[in-house]
PDB file of N, CA and C in Angstrom:
ATOM      1  N   UNK A   1      -5.690 236.471 126.510  1.00  0.00           N
ATOM      2  CA  UNK A   1      -6.615 237.370 127.146  1.00  0.00           C
ATOM      3  C   UNK A   1      -6.107 238.794 127.074  1.00  0.00           C
ATOM      4  N   UNK A   2      -7.025 239.722 126.911  1.00  0.00           N
ATOM      5  CA  UNK A   2      -6.685 241.132 126.863  1.00  0.00           C
ATOM      6  C   UNK A   2      -6.724 241.746 128.257  1.00  0.00           C
ATOM      7  N   UNK A   3      -6.680 243.054 128.309  1.00  0.00           N
ATOM      8  CA  UNK A   3      -6.660 243.760 129.593  1.00  0.00           C
ATOM      9  C   UNK A   3      -7.934 243.541 130.385  1.00  0.00           C
ATOM     10  N   UNK A   4      -8.981 243.325 129.710  1.00  0.00           N
ATOM     11  CA  UNK A   4     -10.282 243.289 130.379  1.00  0.00           C
ATOM     12  C   UNK A   4     -10.800 241.874 130.552  1.00  0.00           C
ATOM     13  N   UNK A   5      -9.936 240.892 130.444  1.00  0.00           N
ATOM     14  CA  UNK A   5     -10.346 239.518 130.619  1.00  0.00           C
ATOM     15  C   UNK A   5     -11.062 238.952 129.413  1.00  0.00           C
ATOM     16  N   UNK A   6     -10.868 239.566 128.243  1.00  0.00           N
ATOM     17  CA  UNK A   6     -11.537 239.096 127.041  1.00  0.00           C
ATOM     18  C   UNK A   6     -10.822 237.865 126.501  1.00  0.00           C
ATOM     19  N   UNK A   7     -11.577 236.873 126.173  1.00  0.00           N
ATOM     20  CA  UNK A   7     -11.024 235.651 125.624  1.00  0.00           C
ATOM     21  C   UNK A   7     -11.322 235.581 124.135  1.00  0.00           C
ATOM     22  N   UNK A   8     -10.388 235.052 123.359  1.00  0.00           N
ATOM     23  CA  UNK A   8     -10.568 234.951 121.917  1.00  0.00           C
ATOM     24  C   UNK A   8     -11.403 233.727 121.542  1.00  0.00           C
ATOM     25  N   UNK A   9     -11.591 232.810 122.470  1.00  0.00           N
ATOM     26  CA  UNK A   9     -12.328 231.590 122.176  1.00  0.00           C
ATOM     27  C   UNK A   9     -13.769 231.677 122.654  1.00  0.00           C
ATOM     28  N   UNK A  10     -14.599 230.823 122.071  1.00  0.00           N
ATOM     29  CA  UNK A  10     -15.923 230.652 122.621  1.00  0.00           C
ATOM     30  C   UNK A  10     -17.057 231.317 121.878  1.00  0.00           C
ATOM     31  N   UNK A  11     -16.794 232.039 120.796  1.00  0.00           N
ATOM     32  CA  UNK A  11     -17.878 232.619 120.020  1.00  0.00           C
ATOM     33  C   UNK A  11     -18.573 233.753 120.730  1.00  0.00           C
ATOM     34  N   UNK A  12     -19.894 233.890 120.468  1.00  0.00           N
ATOM     35  CA  UNK A  12     -20.670 234.984 121.054  1.00  0.00           C
ATOM     36  C   UNK A  12     -20.730 234.876 122.570  1.00  0.00           C
ATOM     37  N   UNK A  13     -20.662 236.012 123.203  1.00  0.00           N
ATOM     38  CA  UNK A  13     -20.767 236.047 124.646  1.00  0.00           C
ATOM     39  C   UNK A  13     -19.505 235.629 125.377  1.00  0.00           C
ATOM     40  N   UNK A  14     -18.418 235.401 124.635  1.00  0.00           N
ATOM     41  CA  UNK A  14     -17.190 234.936 125.274  1.00  0.00           C
ATOM     42  C   UNK A  14     -16.416 236.059 125.948  1.00  0.00           C
ATOM     43  N   UNK A  15     -16.739 237.310 125.598  1.00  0.00           N
ATOM     44  CA  UNK A  15     -16.006 238.425 126.195  1.00  0.00           C
ATOM     45  C   UNK A  15     -16.556 238.697 127.582  1.00  0.00           C
ATOM     46  N   UNK A  16     -15.775 238.369 128.563  1.00  0.00           N
ATOM     47  CA  UNK A  16     -16.165 238.609 129.943  1.00  0.00           C
ATOM     48  C   UNK A  16     -15.290 239.724 130.479  1.00  0.00           C
ATOM     49  N   UNK A  17     -15.892 240.723 131.067  1.00  0.00           N
ATOM     50  CA  UNK A  17     -15.162 241.871 131.575  1.00  0.00           C
ATOM     51  C   UNK A  17     -14.864 241.686 133.056  1.00  0.00           C
ATOM     52  N   UNK A  18     -13.797 242.311 133.470  1.00  0.00           N
ATOM     53  CA  UNK A  18     -13.471 242.312 134.887  1.00  0.00           C
ATOM     54  C   UNK A  18     -13.332 243.758 135.339  1.00  0.00           C
ATOM     55  N   UNK A  19     -13.347 243.948 136.589  1.00  0.00           N
ATOM     56  CA  UNK A  19     -13.176 245.285 137.150  1.00  0.00           C
ATOM     57  C   UNK A  19     -11.699 245.680 137.035  1.00  0.00           C
ATOM     58  N   UNK A  20     -11.434 246.959 136.751  1.00  0.00           N
ATOM     59  CA  UNK A  20     -10.035 247.395 136.674  1.00  0.00           C
ATOM     60  C   UNK A  20      -9.372 247.341 138.051  1.00  0.00           C
ATOM     61  N   UNK A  21      -8.088 247.051 138.038  1.00  0.00           N
ATOM     62  CA  UNK A  21      -7.320 246.970 139.276  1.00  0.00           C
ATOM     63  C   UNK A  21      -6.452 248.217 139.420  1.00  0.00           C
ATOM     64  N   UNK A  22      -5.759 248.297 140.530  1.00  0.00           N
ATOM     65  CA  UNK A  22      -4.807 249.398 140.741  1.00  0.00           C
ATOM     66  C   UNK A  22      -3.683 249.329 139.704  1.00  0.00           C
ATOM     67  N   UNK A  23      -3.332 248.121 139.292  1.00  0.00           N
ATOM     68  CA  UNK A  23      -2.287 247.962 138.274  1.00  0.00           C
ATOM     69  C   UNK A  23      -2.763 248.541 136.939  1.00  0.00           C
ATOM     70  N   UNK A  24      -4.025 248.376 136.608  1.00  0.00           N
ATOM     71  CA  UNK A  24      -4.574 248.964 135.387  1.00  0.00           C
ATOM     72  C   UNK A  24      -4.496 250.484 135.444  1.00  0.00           C
ATOM     73  N   UNK A  25      -4.833 251.059 136.585  1.00  0.00           N
ATOM     74  CA  UNK A  25      -4.744 252.504 136.753  1.00  0.00           C
ATOM     75  C   UNK A  25      -3.307 252.971 136.593  1.00  0.00           C
ATOM     76  N   UNK A  26      -2.379 252.249 137.205  1.00  0.00           N
ATOM     77  CA  UNK A  26      -0.961 252.613 137.100  1.00  0.00           C
ATOM     78  C   UNK A  26      -0.474 252.502 135.652  1.00  0.00           C
ATOM     79  N   UNK A  27      -0.922 251.476 134.931  1.00  0.00           N
ATOM     80  CA  UNK A  27      -0.533 251.299 133.533  1.00  0.00           C
ATOM     81  C   UNK A  27      -1.067 252.428 132.665  1.00  0.00           C
ATOM     82  N   UNK A  28      -2.322 252.810 132.866  1.00  0.00           N
ATOM     83  CA  UNK A  28      -2.873 253.912 132.067  1.00  0.00           C
ATOM     84  C   UNK A  28      -2.125 255.209 132.348  1.00  0.00           C
ATOM     85  N   UNK A  29      -1.743 255.410 133.600  1.00  0.00           N
ATOM     86  CA  UNK A  29      -1.007 256.612 133.985  1.00  0.00           C
ATOM     87  C   UNK A  29       0.383 256.622 133.331  1.00  0.00           C
ATOM     88  N   UNK A  30       1.080 255.496 133.373  1.00  0.00           N
ATOM     89  CA  UNK A  30       2.423 255.400 132.788  1.00  0.00           C
ATOM     90  C   UNK A  30       2.369 255.619 131.281  1.00  0.00           C
ATOM     91  N   UNK A  31       1.421 254.974 130.602  1.00  0.00           N
ATOM     92  CA  UNK A  31       1.307 255.140 129.152  1.00  0.00           C
ATOM     93  C   UNK A  31       0.954 256.576 128.779  1.00  0.00           C
ATOM     94  N   UNK A  32       0.117 257.217 129.580  1.00  0.00           N
ATOM     95  CA  UNK A  32      -0.259 258.601 129.313  1.00  0.00           C
ATOM     96  C   UNK A  32       0.962 259.515 129.396  1.00  0.00           C
ATOM     97  N   UNK A  33       1.710 259.433 130.471  1.00  0.00           N
ATOM     98  CA  UNK A  33       2.870 260.316 130.634  1.00  0.00           C
ATOM     99  C   UNK A  33       4.011 259.951 129.689  1.00  0.00           C
ATOM    100  N   UNK A  34       4.163 258.676 129.350  1.00  0.00           N
ATOM    101  CA  UNK A  34       5.205 258.268 128.399  1.00  0.00           C
ATOM    102  C   UNK A  34       4.925 258.814 126.997  1.00  0.00           C
ATOM    103  N   UNK A  35       3.664 259.033 126.674  1.00  0.00           N
ATOM    104  CA  UNK A  35       3.313 259.599 125.375  1.00  0.00           C
ATOM    105  C   UNK A  35       3.874 260.987 125.164  1.00  0.00           C
ATOM    106  N   UNK A  36       4.135 261.719 126.253  1.00  0.00           N
ATOM    107  CA  UNK A  36       4.701 263.060 126.137  1.00  0.00           C
ATOM    108  C   UNK A  36       6.179 263.036 125.733  1.00  0.00           C
ATOM    109  N   UNK A  37       6.794 261.877 125.719  1.00  0.00           N
ATOM    110  CA  UNK A  37       8.189 261.739 125.287  1.00  0.00           C
ATOM    111  C   UNK A  37       8.231 261.487 123.774  1.00  0.00           C
ATOM    112  N   UNK A  38       7.363 262.151 123.036  1.00  0.00           N
ATOM    113  CA  UNK A  38       7.234 262.004 121.588  1.00  0.00           C
ATOM    114  C   UNK A  38       7.009 260.544 121.191  1.00  0.00           C
ATOM    115  N   UNK A  39       6.195 259.863 121.967  1.00  0.00           N
ATOM    116  CA  UNK A  39       5.791 258.486 121.687  1.00  0.00           C
ATOM    117  C   UNK A  39       4.265 258.419 121.637  1.00  0.00           C
ATOM    118  N   UNK A  40       3.648 259.109 120.656  1.00  0.00           N
ATOM    119  CA  UNK A  40       2.183 259.186 120.637  1.00  0.00           C
ATOM    120  C   UNK A  40       1.503 257.845 120.414  1.00  0.00           C
ATOM    121  N   UNK A  41       2.206 256.878 119.875  1.00  0.00           N
ATOM    122  CA  UNK A  41       1.606 255.564 119.682  1.00  0.00           C
ATOM    123  C   UNK A  41       1.264 254.923 121.027  1.00  0.00           C
ATOM    124  N   UNK A  42       1.945 255.335 122.103  1.00  0.00           N
ATOM    125  CA  UNK A  42       1.581 254.822 123.427  1.00  0.00           C
ATOM    126  C   UNK A  42       0.217 255.337 123.848  1.00  0.00           C
ATOM    127  N   UNK A  43      -0.127 256.552 123.443  1.00  0.00           N
ATOM    128  CA  UNK A  43      -1.463 257.076 123.725  1.00  0.00           C
ATOM    129  C   UNK A  43      -2.519 256.242 123.020  1.00  0.00           C
ATOM    130  N   UNK A  44      -2.226 255.882 121.762  1.00  0.00           N
ATOM    131  CA  UNK A  44      -3.184 255.067 121.013  1.00  0.00           C
ATOM    132  C   UNK A  44      -3.347 253.693 121.659  1.00  0.00           C
ATOM    133  N   UNK A  45      -2.243 253.093 122.053  1.00  0.00           N
ATOM    134  CA  UNK A  45      -2.301 251.786 122.716  1.00  0.00           C
ATOM    135  C   UNK A  45      -3.103 251.891 124.007  1.00  0.00           C
ATOM    136  N   UNK A  46      -2.874 252.942 124.772  1.00  0.00           N
ATOM    137  CA  UNK A  46      -3.591 253.155 126.027  1.00  0.00           C
ATOM    138  C   UNK A  46      -5.096 253.226 125.785  1.00  0.00           C
ATOM    139  N   UNK A  47      -5.491 253.992 124.779  1.00  0.00           N
ATOM    140  CA  UNK A  47      -6.920 254.132 124.498  1.00  0.00           C
ATOM    141  C   UNK A  47      -7.525 252.828 124.001  1.00  0.00           C
ATOM    142  N   UNK A  48      -6.885 252.191 123.042  1.00  0.00           N
ATOM    143  CA  UNK A  48      -7.441 250.963 122.458  1.00  0.00           C
ATOM    144  C   UNK A  48      -7.515 249.847 123.500  1.00  0.00           C
ATOM    145  N   UNK A  49      -6.485 249.724 124.320  1.00  0.00           N
ATOM    146  CA  UNK A  49      -6.436 248.643 125.312  1.00  0.00           C
ATOM    147  C   UNK A  49      -7.510 248.794 126.389  1.00  0.00           C
ATOM    148  N   UNK A  50      -7.771 250.024 126.815  1.00  0.00           N
ATOM    149  CA  UNK A  50      -8.677 250.232 127.939  1.00  0.00           C
ATOM    150  C   UNK A  50     -10.033 250.816 127.545  1.00  0.00           C
ATOM    151  N   UNK A  51     -10.297 250.936 126.260  1.00  0.00           N
ATOM    152  CA  UNK A  51     -11.580 251.453 125.793  1.00  0.00           C
ATOM    153  C   UNK A  51     -12.782 250.649 126.303  1.00  0.00           C
ATOM    154  N   UNK A  52     -12.705 249.324 126.361  1.00  0.00           N
ATOM    155  CA  UNK A  52     -13.874 248.576 126.875  1.00  0.00           C
ATOM    156  C   UNK A  52     -14.279 248.988 128.290  1.00  0.00           C
ATOM    157  N   UNK A  53     -13.323 249.405 129.105  1.00  0.00           N
ATOM    158  CA  UNK A  53     -13.659 249.843 130.461  1.00  0.00           C
ATOM    159  C   UNK A  53     -14.456 251.137 130.432  1.00  0.00           C
ATOM    160  N   UNK A  54     -14.194 251.986 129.458  1.00  0.00           N
ATOM    161  CA  UNK A  54     -14.960 253.223 129.323  1.00  0.00           C
ATOM    162  C   UNK A  54     -16.392 252.935 128.912  1.00  0.00           C
ATOM    163  N   UNK A  55     -16.555 252.012 127.984  1.00  0.00           N
ATOM    164  CA  UNK A  55     -17.885 251.684 127.472  1.00  0.00           C
ATOM    165  C   UNK A  55     -18.803 251.142 128.559  1.00  0.00           C
ATOM    166  N   UNK A  56     -18.242 250.366 129.458  1.00  0.00           N
ATOM    167  CA  UNK A  56     -19.059 249.705 130.468  1.00  0.00           C
ATOM    168  C   UNK A  56     -19.054 250.423 131.813  1.00  0.00           C
ATOM    169  N   UNK A  57     -18.484 251.616 131.839  1.00  0.00           N
ATOM    170  CA  UNK A  57     -18.436 252.429 133.060  1.00  0.00           C
ATOM    171  C   UNK A  57     -17.795 251.712 134.241  1.00  0.00           C
ATOM    172  N   UNK A  58     -16.762 250.908 133.971  1.00  0.00           N
ATOM    173  CA  UNK A  58     -16.057 250.227 135.056  1.00  0.00           C
ATOM    174  C   UNK A  58     -14.861 251.033 135.542  1.00  0.00           C
ATOM    175  N   UNK A  59     -14.434 252.013 134.775  1.00  0.00           N
ATOM    176  CA  UNK A  59     -13.224 252.757 135.111  1.00  0.00           C
ATOM    177  C   UNK A  59     -13.529 253.868 136.111  1.00  0.00           C
ATOM    178  N   UNK A  60     -12.561 254.143 136.967  1.00  0.00           N
ATOM    179  CA  UNK A  60     -12.692 255.256 137.908  1.00  0.00           C
ATOM    180  C   UNK A  60     -12.547 256.570 137.135  1.00  0.00           C
ATOM    181  N   UNK A  61     -12.887 257.663 137.774  1.00  0.00           N
ATOM    182  CA  UNK A  61     -12.793 258.977 137.110  1.00  0.00           C
ATOM    183  C   UNK A  61     -11.351 259.280 136.713  1.00  0.00           C
ATOM    184  N   UNK A  62     -10.401 258.913 137.574  1.00  0.00           N
ATOM    185  CA  UNK A  62      -8.993 259.147 137.272  1.00  0.00           C
ATOM    186  C   UNK A  62      -8.559 258.334 136.051  1.00  0.00           C
ATOM    187  N   UNK A  63      -8.997 257.087 136.012  1.00  0.00           N
ATOM    188  CA  UNK A  63      -8.648 256.224 134.885  1.00  0.00           C
ATOM    189  C   UNK A  63      -9.292 256.735 133.600  1.00  0.00           C
ATOM    190  N   UNK A  64     -10.536 257.178 133.679  1.00  0.00           N
ATOM    191  CA  UNK A  64     -11.215 257.745 132.509  1.00  0.00           C
ATOM    192  C   UNK A  64     -10.450 258.946 131.974  1.00  0.00           C
ATOM    193  N   UNK A  65      -9.940 259.784 132.883  1.00  0.00           N
ATOM    194  CA  UNK A  65      -9.167 260.952 132.473  1.00  0.00           C
ATOM    195  C   UNK A  65      -7.957 260.541 131.645  1.00  0.00           C
ATOM    196  N   UNK A  66      -7.187 259.558 132.117  1.00  0.00           N
ATOM    197  CA  UNK A  66      -5.983 259.134 131.401  1.00  0.00           C
ATOM    198  C   UNK A  66      -6.315 258.477 130.062  1.00  0.00           C
ATOM    199  N   UNK A  67      -7.380 257.703 130.015  1.00  0.00           N
ATOM    200  CA  UNK A  67      -7.755 257.017 128.782  1.00  0.00           C
ATOM    201  C   UNK A  67      -8.256 258.024 127.744  1.00  0.00           C
ATOM    202  N   UNK A  68      -9.158 258.909 128.142  1.00  0.00           N
ATOM    203  CA  UNK A  68      -9.699 259.893 127.199  1.00  0.00           C
ATOM    204  C   UNK A  68      -8.642 260.915 126.791  1.00  0.00           C
ATOM    205  N   UNK A  69      -7.800 261.320 127.720  1.00  0.00           N
ATOM    206  CA  UNK A  69      -6.739 262.273 127.393  1.00  0.00           C
ATOM    207  C   UNK A  69      -5.711 261.658 126.453  1.00  0.00           C
ATOM    208  N   UNK A  70      -5.514 260.358 126.547  1.00  0.00           N
ATOM    209  CA  UNK A  70      -4.607 259.677 125.626  1.00  0.00           C
ATOM    210  C   UNK A  70      -5.129 259.770 124.200  1.00  0.00           C
ATOM    211  N   UNK A  71      -6.431 259.590 124.021  1.00  0.00           N
ATOM    212  CA  UNK A  71      -7.015 259.708 122.684  1.00  0.00           C
ATOM    213  C   UNK A  71      -6.883 261.139 122.165  1.00  0.00           C
ATOM    214  N   UNK A  72      -7.185 262.106 123.011  1.00  0.00           N
ATOM    215  CA  UNK A  72      -7.080 263.512 122.612  1.00  0.00           C
ATOM    216  C   UNK A  72      -5.639 263.859 122.259  1.00  0.00           C
ATOM    217  N   UNK A  73      -4.694 263.402 123.072  1.00  0.00           N
ATOM    218  CA  UNK A  73      -3.278 263.658 122.797  1.00  0.00           C
ATOM    219  C   UNK A  73      -2.825 263.036 121.489  1.00  0.00           C
ATOM    220  N   UNK A  74      -3.274 261.807 121.228  1.00  0.00           N
ATOM    221  CA  UNK A  74      -2.891 261.133 119.977  1.00  0.00           C
ATOM    222  C   UNK A  74      -3.440 261.881 118.769  1.00  0.00           C
ATOM    223  N   UNK A  75      -4.701 262.265 118.820  1.00  0.00           N
ATOM    224  CA  UNK A  75      -5.308 262.988 117.698  1.00  0.00           C
ATOM    225  C   UNK A  75      -4.622 264.333 117.486  1.00  0.00           C
ATOM    226  N   UNK A  76      -4.359 265.063 118.569  1.00  0.00           N
ATOM    227  CA  UNK A  76      -3.692 266.368 118.457  1.00  0.00           C
ATOM    228  C   UNK A  76      -2.293 266.217 117.871  1.00  0.00           C
ATOM    229  N   UNK A  77      -1.543 265.200 118.326  1.00  0.00           N
ATOM    230  CA  UNK A  77      -0.197 264.984 117.805  1.00  0.00           C
ATOM    231  C   UNK A  77      -0.241 264.651 116.319  1.00  0.00           C
ATOM    232  N   UNK A  78      -1.182 263.813 115.923  1.00  0.00           N
ATOM    233  CA  UNK A  78      -1.283 263.433 114.511  1.00  0.00           C
ATOM    234  C   UNK A  78      -1.661 264.628 113.633  1.00  0.00           C
ATOM    235  N   UNK A  79      -2.534 265.495 114.129  1.00  0.00           N
ATOM    236  CA  UNK A  79      -2.903 266.692 113.372  1.00  0.00           C
ATOM    237  C   UNK A  79      -1.693 267.600 113.211  1.00  0.00           C
ATOM    238  N   UNK A  80      -0.968 267.829 114.309  1.00  0.00           N
ATOM    239  CA  UNK A  80       0.228 268.679 114.236  1.00  0.00           C
ATOM    240  C   UNK A  80       1.299 268.068 113.337  1.00  0.00           C
ATOM    241  N   UNK A  81       1.464 266.769 113.408  1.00  0.00           N
ATOM    242  CA  UNK A  81       2.457 266.098 112.560  1.00  0.00           C
ATOM    243  C   UNK A  81       2.048 266.199 111.089  1.00  0.00           C
ATOM    244  N   UNK A  82       0.762 266.040 110.808  1.00  0.00           N
ATOM    245  CA  UNK A  82       0.276 266.177 109.429  1.00  0.00           C
ATOM    246  C   UNK A  82       0.502 267.584 108.895  1.00  0.00           C
ATOM    247  N   UNK A  83       0.262 268.598 109.736  1.00  0.00           N
ATOM    248  CA  UNK A  83       0.520 269.980 109.325  1.00  0.00           C
ATOM    249  C   UNK A  83       2.003 270.176 109.058  1.00  0.00           C
ATOM    250  N   UNK A  84       2.846 269.648 109.940  1.00  0.00           N
ATOM    251  CA  UNK A  84       4.299 269.752 109.745  1.00  0.00           C
ATOM    252  C   UNK A  84       4.714 269.108 108.420  1.00  0.00           C
ATOM    253  N   UNK A  85       4.212 267.922 108.142  1.00  0.00           N
ATOM    254  CA  UNK A  85       4.559 267.245 106.890  1.00  0.00           C
ATOM    255  C   UNK A  85       4.103 268.051 105.675  1.00  0.00           C
ATOM    256  N   UNK A  86       2.901 268.593 105.735  1.00  0.00           N
ATOM    257  CA  UNK A  86       2.390 269.388 104.615  1.00  0.00           C
ATOM    258  C   UNK A  86       3.254 270.621 104.386  1.00  0.00           C
ATOM    259  N   UNK A  87       3.614 271.322 105.459  1.00  0.00           N
ATOM    260  CA  UNK A  87       4.457 272.513 105.328  1.00  0.00           C
ATOM    261  C   UNK A  87       5.837 272.129 104.830  1.00  0.00           C
ATOM    262  N   UNK A  88       6.412 271.076 105.388  1.00  0.00           N
ATOM    263  CA  UNK A  88       7.764 270.660 105.003  1.00  0.00           C
ATOM    264  C   UNK A  88       7.827 270.268 103.528  1.00  0.00           C
ATOM    265  N   UNK A  89       6.919 269.408 103.101  1.00  0.00           N
ATOM    266  CA  UNK A  89       6.979 268.937 101.718  1.00  0.00           C
ATOM    267  C   UNK A  89       6.527 269.986 100.705  1.00  0.00           C
ATOM    268  N   UNK A  90       5.719 270.943 101.117  1.00  0.00           N
ATOM    269  CA  UNK A  90       5.357 272.010 100.184  1.00  0.00           C
ATOM    270  C   UNK A  90       6.494 273.018 100.031  1.00  0.00           C
ATOM    271  N   UNK A  91       7.461 273.022 100.945  1.00  0.00           N
ATOM    272  CA  UNK A  91       8.614 273.914 100.878  1.00  0.00           C
ATOM    273  C   UNK A  91       9.916 273.137 100.722  1.00  0.00           C
ATOM    274  N   UNK A  92       9.859 272.007 100.079  1.00  0.00           N
ATOM    275  CA  UNK A  92      11.010 271.109 100.023  1.00  0.00           C
ATOM    276  C   UNK A  92      12.248 271.744  99.408  1.00  0.00           C
ATOM    277  N   UNK A  93      12.090 272.657  98.488  1.00  0.00           N
ATOM    278  CA  UNK A  93      13.256 273.277  97.867  1.00  0.00           C
ATOM    279  C   UNK A  93      13.836 274.425  98.664  1.00  0.00           C
ATOM    280  N   UNK A  94      13.143 274.875  99.694  1.00  0.00           N
ATOM    281  CA  UNK A  94      13.607 276.014 100.488  1.00  0.00           C
ATOM    282  C   UNK A  94      14.860 275.647 101.284  1.00  0.00           C
ATOM    283  N   UNK A  95      15.641 276.661 101.614  1.00  0.00           N
ATOM    284  CA  UNK A  95      16.919 276.410 102.295  1.00  0.00           C
ATOM    285  C   UNK A  95      16.723 275.825 103.695  1.00  0.00           C
ATOM    286  N   UNK A  96      15.652 276.211 104.386  1.00  0.00           N
ATOM    287  CA  UNK A  96      15.460 275.703 105.743  1.00  0.00           C
ATOM    288  C   UNK A  96      15.141 274.222 105.773  1.00  0.00           C
ATOM    289  N   UNK A  97      14.633 273.680 104.673  1.00  0.00           N
ATOM    290  CA  UNK A  97      14.316 272.245 104.650  1.00  0.00           C
ATOM    291  C   UNK A  97      15.547 271.396 104.375  1.00  0.00           C
ATOM    292  N   UNK A  98      16.573 271.984 103.787  1.00  0.00           N
ATOM    293  CA  UNK A  98      17.756 271.220 103.413  1.00  0.00           C
ATOM    294  C   UNK A  98      18.496 270.662 104.628  1.00  0.00           C
ATOM    295  N   UNK A  99      18.454 271.370 105.745  1.00  0.00           N
ATOM    296  CA  UNK A  99      19.165 270.897 106.934  1.00  0.00           C
ATOM    297  C   UNK A  99      18.524 269.639 107.525  1.00  0.00           C
ATOM    298  N   UNK A 100      17.279 269.344 107.159  1.00  0.00           N
ATOM    299  CA  UNK A 100      16.597 268.160 107.672  1.00  0.00           C
ATOM    300  C   UNK A 100      16.810 266.931 106.784  1.00  0.00           C
ATOM    301  N   UNK A 101      17.356 267.120 105.604  1.00  0.00           N
ATOM    302  CA  UNK A 101      17.483 266.035 104.640  1.00  0.00           C
ATOM    303  C   UNK A 101      18.851 265.372 104.716  1.00  0.00           C
ATOM    304  N   UNK A 102      18.884 264.072 104.485  1.00  0.00           N
ATOM    305  CA  UNK A 102      20.156 263.361 104.413  1.00  0.00           C
ATOM    306  C   UNK A 102      20.816 263.563 103.063  1.00  0.00           C
ATOM    307  N   UNK A 103      20.015 263.728 102.022  1.00  0.00           N
ATOM    308  CA  UNK A 103      20.518 263.917 100.672  1.00  0.00           C
ATOM    309  C   UNK A 103      19.918 265.191 100.120  1.00  0.00           C
ATOM    310  N   UNK A 104      20.654 265.860  99.256  1.00  0.00           N
ATOM    311  CA  UNK A 104      20.107 267.060  98.622  1.00  0.00           C
ATOM    312  C   UNK A 104      19.134 266.650  97.531  1.00  0.00           C
ATOM    313  N   UNK A 105      18.189 267.548  97.259  1.00  0.00           N
ATOM    314  CA  UNK A 105      17.187 267.291  96.243  1.00  0.00           C
ATOM    315  C   UNK A 105      17.871 267.077  94.898  1.00  0.00           C
ATOM    316  N   UNK A 106      17.513 266.012  94.228  1.00  0.00           N
ATOM    317  CA  UNK A 106      18.090 265.700  92.933  1.00  0.00           C
ATOM    318  C   UNK A 106      19.266 264.747  92.974  1.00  0.00           C
ATOM    319  N   UNK A 107      19.825 264.453  94.156  1.00  0.00           N
ATOM    320  CA  UNK A 107      20.915 263.490  94.265  1.00  0.00           C
ATOM    321  C   UNK A 107      20.418 262.090  93.952  1.00  0.00           C
ATOM    322  N   UNK A 108      21.272 261.302  93.354  1.00  0.00           N
ATOM    323  CA  UNK A 108      20.941 259.900  93.095  1.00  0.00           C
ATOM    324  C   UNK A 108      21.948 259.028  93.835  1.00  0.00           C
ATOM    325  N   UNK A 109      21.510 257.871  94.224  1.00  0.00           N
ATOM    326  CA  UNK A 109      22.403 256.930  94.922  1.00  0.00           C
ATOM    327  C   UNK A 109      23.203 256.149  93.888  1.00  0.00           C
ATOM    328  N   UNK A 110      24.483 256.013  94.151  1.00  0.00           N
ATOM    329  CA  UNK A 110      25.357 255.250  93.269  1.00  0.00           C
ATOM    330  C   UNK A 110      25.499 253.831  93.815  1.00  0.00           C
ATOM    331  N   UNK A 111      25.367 252.849  92.933  1.00  0.00           N
ATOM    332  CA  UNK A 111      25.565 251.456  93.357  1.00  0.00           C
ATOM    333  C   UNK A 111      27.039 251.218  93.552  1.00  0.00           C
ATOM    334  N   UNK A 112      27.395 250.497  94.606  1.00  0.00           N
ATOM    335  CA  UNK A 112      28.798 250.246  94.917  1.00  0.00           C
ATOM    336  C   UNK A 112      29.370 249.143  94.075  1.00  0.00           C
TER     337      UNK A 112
END
């Protein structure tokens, strides 16, 4: 069973929803704040896990805030990370990029 009481068995109509509990609210809050520790995948997990509650309007306003903000945070982090990767790899030969690399450009690994 998932967060919302969804069962994998039973075919059509097997997904039964339940009302969110205080523990669900606490979990969404913890996952939201933990995402700020450079763990954006927790934001994605938070959104995916509790998205059904948003669709059916079962979540409180506070819970909706944490779930929707988790999605926004994940998307923003991914955009910034993509920009960083593009800038880094387009300047790979520059001196400032060398301090981030374990090996210098052009080095080959020797078999032992």
